[in-house]
Protein backbone atom coordinates (compact mmCIF):
# COMPACT_ATOMS: atom_id res chain seq x y z
CA UNK A 1 -16.52 1.86 -30.04
CA UNK A 2 -16.01 1.02 -26.37
CA UNK A 3 -12.91 2.46 -24.73
CA UNK A 4 -11.90 -0.93 -23.41
CA UNK A 5 -11.65 -2.12 -27.03
CA UNK A 6 -9.48 0.70 -28.35
CA UNK A 7 -6.79 -0.82 -30.62
CA UNK A 8 -3.93 0.99 -28.87
CA UNK A 9 -1.12 -0.99 -30.51
CA UNK A 10 -2.55 -0.34 -33.95
CA UNK A 11 -3.01 3.36 -33.21
CA UNK A 12 0.59 3.65 -32.04
CA UNK A 13 1.77 2.01 -35.28
CA UNK A 14 -0.47 4.37 -37.28
CA UNK A 15 1.07 7.38 -35.52
CA UNK A 16 4.62 6.22 -36.29
CA UNK A 17 3.86 5.30 -39.91
CA UNK A 18 2.09 8.62 -40.48
CA UNK A 19 5.04 10.62 -39.12
CA UNK A 20 7.59 8.77 -41.26
CA UNK A 21 5.34 7.98 -44.24
CA UNK A 22 7.32 4.76 -44.33
CA UNK A 23 6.56 1.33 -42.87
CA UNK A 24 10.30 0.60 -42.77
CA UNK A 25 11.21 3.67 -40.72
CA UNK A 26 8.17 3.16 -38.49
CA UNK A 27 9.33 -0.41 -37.91
CA UNK A 28 12.81 0.83 -36.92
CA UNK A 29 11.26 3.24 -34.39
CA UNK A 30 9.02 0.57 -32.91
CA UNK A 31 11.68 -2.18 -32.97
CA UNK A 32 9.51 -4.51 -35.10
CA UNK A 33 9.61 -5.68 -38.70
CA UNK A 34 8.07 -3.74 -41.60
CA UNK A 35 5.80 -6.73 -42.16
CA UNK A 36 4.50 -6.42 -38.58
CA UNK A 37 3.76 -2.73 -39.21
CA UNK A 38 1.86 -3.63 -42.38
CA UNK A 39 -0.15 -6.29 -40.51
CA UNK A 40 -1.09 -3.82 -37.75
CA UNK A 41 -2.19 -1.22 -40.30
CA UNK A 42 -4.29 -3.74 -42.25
CA UNK A 43 -5.89 -4.99 -39.02
CA UNK A 44 -6.66 -1.40 -38.02
CA UNK A 45 -8.18 -0.67 -41.44
CA UNK A 46 -10.35 -3.76 -41.16
CA UNK A 47 -11.50 -2.77 -37.67
CA UNK A 48 -12.25 0.86 -38.57
CA UNK A 49 -13.64 0.16 -42.02
CA UNK A 50 -11.50 2.82 -43.68
CA UNK A 51 -8.34 2.96 -45.80
CA UNK A 52 -5.49 4.71 -43.96
CA UNK A 53 -2.64 4.71 -46.48
CA UNK A 54 -2.27 4.68 -50.25
CA UNK A 55 0.87 3.88 -52.20
CA UNK A 56 1.66 6.39 -54.94
CA UNK A 57 4.53 6.95 -57.31
CA UNK A 58 5.96 9.34 -54.71
CA UNK A 59 5.68 6.83 -51.90
CA UNK A 60 3.28 6.29 -48.98
CA UNK A 61 0.46 8.78 -48.59
CA UNK A 62 -2.14 9.31 -45.84
CA UNK A 63 -5.80 9.23 -46.77
CA UNK A 64 -8.13 12.03 -45.71
CA UNK A 65 -9.77 9.68 -43.19
CA UNK A 66 -6.43 8.97 -41.50
CA UNK A 67 -5.46 12.64 -41.44
CA UNK A 68 -8.79 13.57 -39.85
CA UNK A 69 -8.11 11.49 -36.76
CA UNK A 70 -4.37 11.84 -36.24
CA UNK A 71 -4.36 15.03 -34.15
CA UNK A 72 -6.79 13.58 -31.62
CA UNK A 73 -4.87 10.27 -31.51
CA UNK A 74 -1.56 12.04 -30.87
CA UNK A 75 -3.12 14.20 -28.19
CA UNK A 76 -4.45 11.04 -26.57
CA UNK A 77 -1.01 9.43 -26.50
CA UNK A 78 0.45 12.59 -24.96
CA UNK A 79 -2.17 12.38 -22.20
CA UNK A 80 -1.31 8.71 -21.67
CA UNK A 81 2.35 9.67 -21.23
CA UNK A 82 1.40 12.40 -18.75
CA UNK A 83 -0.66 9.90 -16.79
CA UNK A 84 2.18 7.37 -16.68
CA UNK A 85 4.63 10.08 -15.56
CA UNK A 86 2.23 11.09 -12.79
CA UNK A 87 2.04 7.50 -11.55
CA UNK A 88 5.84 7.14 -11.72
CA UNK A 89 6.24 10.38 -9.78
CA UNK A 90 4.24 8.80 -6.96
CA UNK A 91 6.43 5.72 -7.09
CA UNK A 92 9.60 7.78 -6.89
CA UNK A 93 8.47 9.58 -3.75
CA UNK A 94 10.43 9.17 -0.54
CA UNK A 95 7.54 8.02 1.65
CA UNK A 96 7.50 4.35 2.71
CA UNK A 97 4.76 2.42 4.47
CA UNK A 98 6.17 -0.77 6.00
CA UNK A 99 4.42 -3.60 7.81
CA UNK A 100 6.80 -5.16 10.29
CA UNK A 101 6.80 -7.05 13.59
CA UNK A 102 7.56 -4.47 16.24
CA UNK A 103 10.30 -6.51 17.87
CA UNK A 104 12.07 -6.92 14.54
CA UNK A 105 11.76 -3.18 13.94
CA UNK A 106 13.28 -2.37 17.31
CA UNK A 107 16.15 -4.85 17.16
CA UNK A 108 17.14 -4.88 13.49
CA UNK A 109 15.21 -2.65 11.12
CA UNK A 110 15.20 0.70 12.91
CA UNK A 111 18.99 1.27 12.93
CA UNK A 112 19.21 0.36 9.25
CA UNK A 113 16.39 2.70 8.30
CA UNK A 114 18.17 5.41 10.31
CA UNK A 115 21.36 4.79 8.35
CA UNK A 116 19.42 4.86 5.07
CA UNK A 117 17.71 8.09 6.05
CA UNK A 118 21.04 9.62 7.07
CA UNK A 119 22.08 9.36 3.41
CA UNK A 120 18.72 10.76 2.23
CA UNK A 121 17.22 13.02 4.93
CA UNK A 122 14.01 13.53 2.92
CA UNK A 123 12.96 9.93 3.56
CA UNK A 124 9.79 9.38 5.60
CA UNK A 125 8.69 6.05 7.07
CA UNK A 126 5.32 4.88 8.37
CA UNK A 127 5.30 1.64 10.34
CA UNK A 128 2.31 -0.69 10.39
CA UNK A 129 2.49 -3.22 13.22
CA UNK A 130 1.93 -6.93 12.76
CA UNK A 131 3.72 -9.82 11.14
CA UNK A 132 3.24 -8.57 7.60
CA UNK A 133 0.18 -10.72 6.87
CA UNK A 134 -1.84 -7.64 6.03
CA UNK A 135 -3.54 -6.68 2.81
CA UNK A 136 -1.12 -4.62 0.73
CA UNK A 137 -3.87 -2.74 -1.10
CA UNK A 138 -6.01 -2.08 1.95
CA UNK A 139 -3.09 -0.82 4.02
CA UNK A 140 -1.41 0.94 1.08
CA UNK A 141 1.84 -0.84 1.88
CA UNK A 142 5.11 -0.60 0.01
CA UNK A 143 6.83 -3.60 1.67
CA UNK A 144 6.33 -5.96 4.59
CA UNK A 145 8.62 -8.02 6.81
CA UNK A 146 7.43 -11.55 7.55
CA UNK A 147 8.78 -14.33 9.75
CA UNK A 148 8.23 -17.17 7.32
CA UNK A 149 9.77 -20.04 5.37
CA UNK A 150 9.94 -17.94 2.22
CA UNK A 151 8.23 -15.14 0.28
CA UNK A 152 5.29 -17.32 -0.73
CA UNK A 153 3.40 -15.84 -3.68
CA UNK A 154 5.11 -12.47 -3.27
CA UNK A 155 8.46 -11.17 -4.42
CA UNK A 156 11.04 -11.06 -1.63
CA UNK A 157 14.53 -11.37 -0.24
CA UNK A 158 15.77 -12.96 2.96
CA UNK A 159 17.04 -10.56 5.63
CA UNK A 160 19.94 -12.34 7.22
CA UNK A 161 20.16 -16.09 7.65
CA UNK A 162 17.33 -18.23 9.13
CA UNK A 163 19.17 -19.10 12.34
CA UNK A 164 17.85 -19.45 15.87
CA UNK A 165 19.64 -19.48 19.18
CA UNK A 166 18.69 -20.28 22.78
CA UNK A 167 19.28 -17.42 25.21
CA UNK A 168 18.94 -16.99 28.94
CA UNK A 169 20.07 -14.59 31.62
CA UNK A 170 23.84 -14.37 32.10
CA UNK A 171 24.91 -16.96 34.68
CA UNK A 172 21.65 -18.91 34.48
CA UNK A 173 21.79 -22.67 34.08
CA UNK A 174 20.74 -24.56 31.00
CA UNK A 175 17.87 -26.26 32.82
CA UNK A 176 15.94 -22.99 33.12
CA UNK A 177 12.27 -23.31 32.09
CA UNK A 178 11.26 -22.56 28.51
CA UNK A 179 9.75 -19.28 27.43
CA UNK A 180 7.35 -19.67 24.52
CA UNK A 181 6.28 -17.10 21.88
CA UNK A 182 4.06 -17.44 18.75
CA UNK A 183 7.01 -18.25 16.49
CA UNK A 184 8.11 -21.06 18.84
CA UNK A 185 5.24 -21.81 21.23
CA UNK A 186 6.58 -25.21 22.33
CA UNK A 187 10.41 -25.11 22.19
CA UNK A 188 10.81 -28.53 23.81
CA UNK A 189 8.09 -30.19 21.80
CA UNK A 190 5.29 -29.78 24.33
CA UNK A 191 3.44 -26.68 25.37
CA UNK A 192 3.14 -28.17 28.87
CA UNK A 193 6.89 -27.61 29.31
CA UNK A 194 6.50 -23.87 28.72
CA UNK A 195 6.12 -21.99 31.99
CA UNK A 196 6.03 -18.51 30.50
CA UNK A 197 4.50 -17.38 27.19
CA UNK A 198 4.88 -13.96 25.57
CA UNK A 199 3.67 -12.22 22.45
CA UNK A 200 6.80 -12.00 20.32
CA UNK A 201 10.51 -12.90 20.13
CA UNK A 202 11.63 -9.50 21.41
CA UNK A 203 9.60 -9.91 24.58
CA UNK A 204 10.94 -13.47 24.92
CA UNK A 205 14.48 -12.08 24.90
CA UNK A 206 13.53 -9.51 27.56
CA UNK A 207 11.91 -12.24 29.66
CA UNK A 208 15.05 -14.37 29.40
CA UNK A 209 17.21 -11.40 30.38
CA UNK A 210 15.03 -10.87 33.45
CA UNK A 211 15.70 -14.45 34.58
CA UNK A 212 12.31 -15.92 33.68
CA UNK A 213 13.79 -18.80 31.69
CA UNK A 214 15.34 -19.57 28.33
CA UNK A 215 13.97 -18.87 24.88
CA UNK A 216 14.77 -20.04 21.38
CA UNK A 217 14.63 -16.91 19.23
CA UNK A 218 15.86 -15.65 15.85
CA UNK A 219 19.59 -14.95 16.01
CA UNK A 220 18.98 -11.75 14.05
CA UNK A 221 17.01 -10.37 17.00
CA UNK A 222 19.22 -11.72 19.76
CA UNK A 223 22.64 -10.62 18.46
CA UNK A 224 22.43 -7.13 19.95
CA UNK A 225 21.30 -8.39 23.36
CA UNK A 226 24.08 -11.00 23.39
CA UNK A 227 26.74 -8.46 22.43
CA UNK A 228 25.46 -6.08 25.14
CA UNK A 229 25.58 -8.83 27.76
CA UNK A 230 21.85 -8.70 28.49
CA UNK A 231 21.50 -12.39 27.68
CA UNK A 232 23.88 -15.30 27.16
CA UNK A 233 23.69 -17.90 24.41
CA UNK A 234 23.24 -21.55 25.29
CA UNK A 235 24.97 -23.58 22.61
CA UNK A 236 25.60 -22.60 18.99
CA UNK A 237 23.10 -21.09 16.58
CA UNK A 238 21.04 -23.57 14.55
CA UNK A 239 19.66 -23.19 11.04
CA UNK A 240 15.89 -23.24 11.00
CA UNK A 241 13.19 -23.25 8.30
CA UNK A 242 11.89 -19.79 9.06
CA UNK A 243 13.60 -16.48 8.68
CA UNK A 244 12.76 -12.81 8.17
CA UNK A 245 11.72 -11.93 4.63
CA UNK A 246 11.19 -8.56 3.05
CA UNK A 247 8.26 -9.03 0.64
CA UNK A 248 5.93 -7.15 -1.67
CA UNK A 249 3.65 -7.87 -4.64
CA UNK A 250 5.41 -7.59 -8.00
CA UNK A 251 4.07 -4.08 -8.90
CA UNK A 252 5.44 -2.63 -5.64
CA UNK A 253 8.65 -4.66 -5.94
CA UNK A 254 9.35 -3.01 -9.31
CA UNK A 255 9.05 0.54 -7.98
CA UNK A 256 12.25 2.53 -7.99
CA UNK A 257 11.91 3.56 -4.37
CA UNK A 258 11.31 -0.04 -3.25
CA UNK A 259 14.30 -1.25 -5.26
CA UNK A 260 16.43 1.36 -3.51
CA UNK A 261 15.17 0.26 -0.08
CA UNK A 262 15.74 -3.42 -0.88
CA UNK A 263 19.28 -2.63 -1.97
CA UNK A 264 19.98 -0.67 1.20
CA UNK A 265 18.61 -3.36 3.54
CA UNK A 266 20.21 -6.30 1.73
CA UNK A 267 23.59 -4.60 1.30
CA UNK A 268 23.52 -5.11 -2.46
C-alpha cells in the first residue's frame, strides 16, 4: 500500500473504537455519529480485506488481525502529533521576516515594531526591501507590506486609511513643480509636467522639504514630516484607491505569531 493512500481517517476511527470497544463512545470522542463510525470501519475492512471487529454476547470485540496492527498504528499517530507540534513550535517563534518598502518602514512601521518589541524583548525582525511583490516561499516571508488597492489573492488588512496629501517646503507656493515617484509618476496627469522624479514616496517627501517642488504622497508617510514642520500640506487630504496593506498567504496568516503581529499593528 502506498503511503499517499493510507486511510488515515479510517485508522483514527479504528484506534478510537478499539480503545472504547464501542462505536457509540468512539463517536462521542470523534464528534461524529455512531453510524459514521460504523461506515468508516466497514470501509476500512473492505480496503484491508480483513475483519476488524466482531459482535459477541459481551459486546464489541477486536479480531486478532486488528490487534496485530494497533500498536504500530498508535505509534504512528504519536509521531504525527510530534511532527505537528514541531511545526507549530516553529510558527510560535519570535522571529519575523517582513517585506516592506523602506520608506514605509522608516516613517511608519519601525516605531510600531519598536513598541511591539518593547512589550516582548525576545522579538527579532528581519526586513526585506521592496514593495512586497516578492515570493513568500522563496524569501521565507511571514508578512509583507504593499502599496496597493487591496490584498489581492492574499489575506490582509489595511494599515491606516488610503489617503494622499500634497506637500511642499514650508513657505513654498502652490505653483511649485511636481515631484514624481513610482506610486504617482504623473501627479498632474502628464509626466512632462514632472521636473523631478525619485524612487519612493519617502524620498519625494525629502525632495519637497528641500524645496525641489511639491509631491502627492500617502498621508500615512507624510504625517510625521508635517507635524515636525519639515513640509507643509497644500490643501486637505484626499481619499485614493491605493493604501498600505499588510498581507500574507493564508497558511502564514493563520500562524499565532502573525496573528499577534497583525493585532499589534492594527490596534485590534
